[in-house]
């Protein structure tokens, strides 16, 4: 399954790209599994995803939890928590 991954703010800076299209392995079925798999892809991915409490994910523009399924997703965004002021 091909999915567009979007990275924002310091997540993008650590990974080194703002987006990538990847083929997800069949065993990647949830947001948590996706983050684990991504963290194994490069040192930049590992650094960006090391502290999961500092990461938010949206699947097809809807906020997601670690248990959210990724099957059929077209776009997954990974970003730090948004704060306002």
Protein backbone atom coordinates (compact mmCIF):
# COMPACT_ATOMS: atom_id res chain seq x y z
CA UNK A 1 0.00 0.00 0.00
CA UNK A 2 1.45 3.37 -1.01
CA UNK A 3 0.94 6.28 1.38
CA UNK A 4 2.11 9.89 1.41
CA UNK A 5 3.88 10.76 4.66
CA UNK A 6 4.05 14.45 5.58
CA UNK A 7 6.43 15.83 8.21
CA UNK A 8 6.11 19.23 9.88
CA UNK A 9 8.21 21.58 12.06
CA UNK A 10 11.13 20.00 13.94
CA UNK A 11 10.02 16.49 12.84
CA UNK A 12 10.69 17.55 9.24
CA UNK A 13 14.02 19.12 10.23
CA UNK A 14 15.28 15.95 11.93
CA UNK A 15 14.12 13.60 9.18
CA UNK A 16 15.44 15.89 6.46
CA UNK A 17 12.45 15.86 4.10
CA UNK A 18 8.98 17.36 4.24
CA UNK A 19 7.25 14.42 2.54
CA UNK A 20 7.85 10.96 1.16
CA UNK A 21 5.73 8.35 -0.57
CA UNK A 22 6.33 4.89 0.83
CA UNK A 23 5.00 1.39 0.39
CA UNK A 24 3.97 0.21 3.83
CA UNK A 25 4.82 -3.39 4.71
CA UNK A 26 1.73 -5.57 5.20
CA UNK A 27 2.39 -5.88 8.95
CA UNK A 28 2.05 -2.11 9.49
CA UNK A 29 -1.59 -1.87 10.51
CA UNK A 30 -1.70 0.92 13.12
CA UNK A 31 -0.19 4.33 13.80
CA UNK A 32 1.98 2.82 16.56
CA UNK A 33 3.36 0.16 14.18
CA UNK A 34 3.97 2.84 11.55
CA UNK A 35 5.97 4.99 13.97
CA UNK A 36 8.03 1.98 15.08
CA UNK A 37 8.77 1.07 11.46
CA UNK A 38 9.65 4.66 10.53
CA UNK A 39 12.00 4.97 13.51
CA UNK A 40 13.98 2.03 12.14
CA UNK A 41 14.46 3.62 8.69
CA UNK A 42 17.21 6.16 9.46
CA UNK A 43 18.96 7.96 12.32
CA UNK A 44 16.92 11.08 11.50
CA UNK A 45 13.64 9.17 11.72
CA UNK A 46 14.79 7.57 14.98
CA UNK A 47 15.68 10.95 16.50
CA UNK A 48 12.43 12.59 15.40
CA UNK A 49 10.27 9.75 16.70
CA UNK A 50 12.19 8.89 19.88
CA UNK A 51 9.78 10.60 22.28
CA UNK A 52 6.29 9.61 21.17
CA UNK A 53 4.67 11.93 23.73
CA UNK A 54 5.98 14.81 21.58
CA UNK A 55 4.44 13.46 18.36
CA UNK A 56 0.96 13.90 16.92
CA UNK A 57 -0.38 12.03 13.90
CA UNK A 58 -3.24 12.67 11.51
CA UNK A 59 -4.51 9.96 9.16
CA UNK A 60 -6.27 11.45 6.13
CA UNK A 61 -6.51 14.77 8.01
CA UNK A 62 -8.16 13.32 11.14
CA UNK A 63 -6.27 13.24 14.43
CA UNK A 64 -5.17 9.70 15.25
CA UNK A 65 -4.23 7.65 18.30
CA UNK A 66 -1.60 4.90 18.42
CA UNK A 67 -4.36 2.33 17.77
CA UNK A 68 -5.77 4.10 14.69
CA UNK A 69 -5.65 1.80 11.65
CA UNK A 70 -3.58 2.93 8.67
CA UNK A 71 -5.06 0.50 6.13
CA UNK A 72 -6.34 2.42 3.12
CA UNK A 73 -4.84 5.73 4.27
CA UNK A 74 -3.72 8.07 1.50
CA UNK A 75 -1.96 10.63 3.69
CA UNK A 76 -0.40 10.46 7.15
CA UNK A 77 0.94 13.62 8.74
CA UNK A 78 3.41 13.57 11.62
CA UNK A 79 3.98 16.74 13.63
CA UNK A 80 4.64 18.14 17.11
CA UNK A 81 1.75 19.19 19.34
CA UNK A 82 0.19 22.45 18.21
CA UNK A 83 0.11 25.23 20.76
CA UNK A 84 -1.55 28.57 20.58
CA UNK A 85 -1.09 31.83 22.31
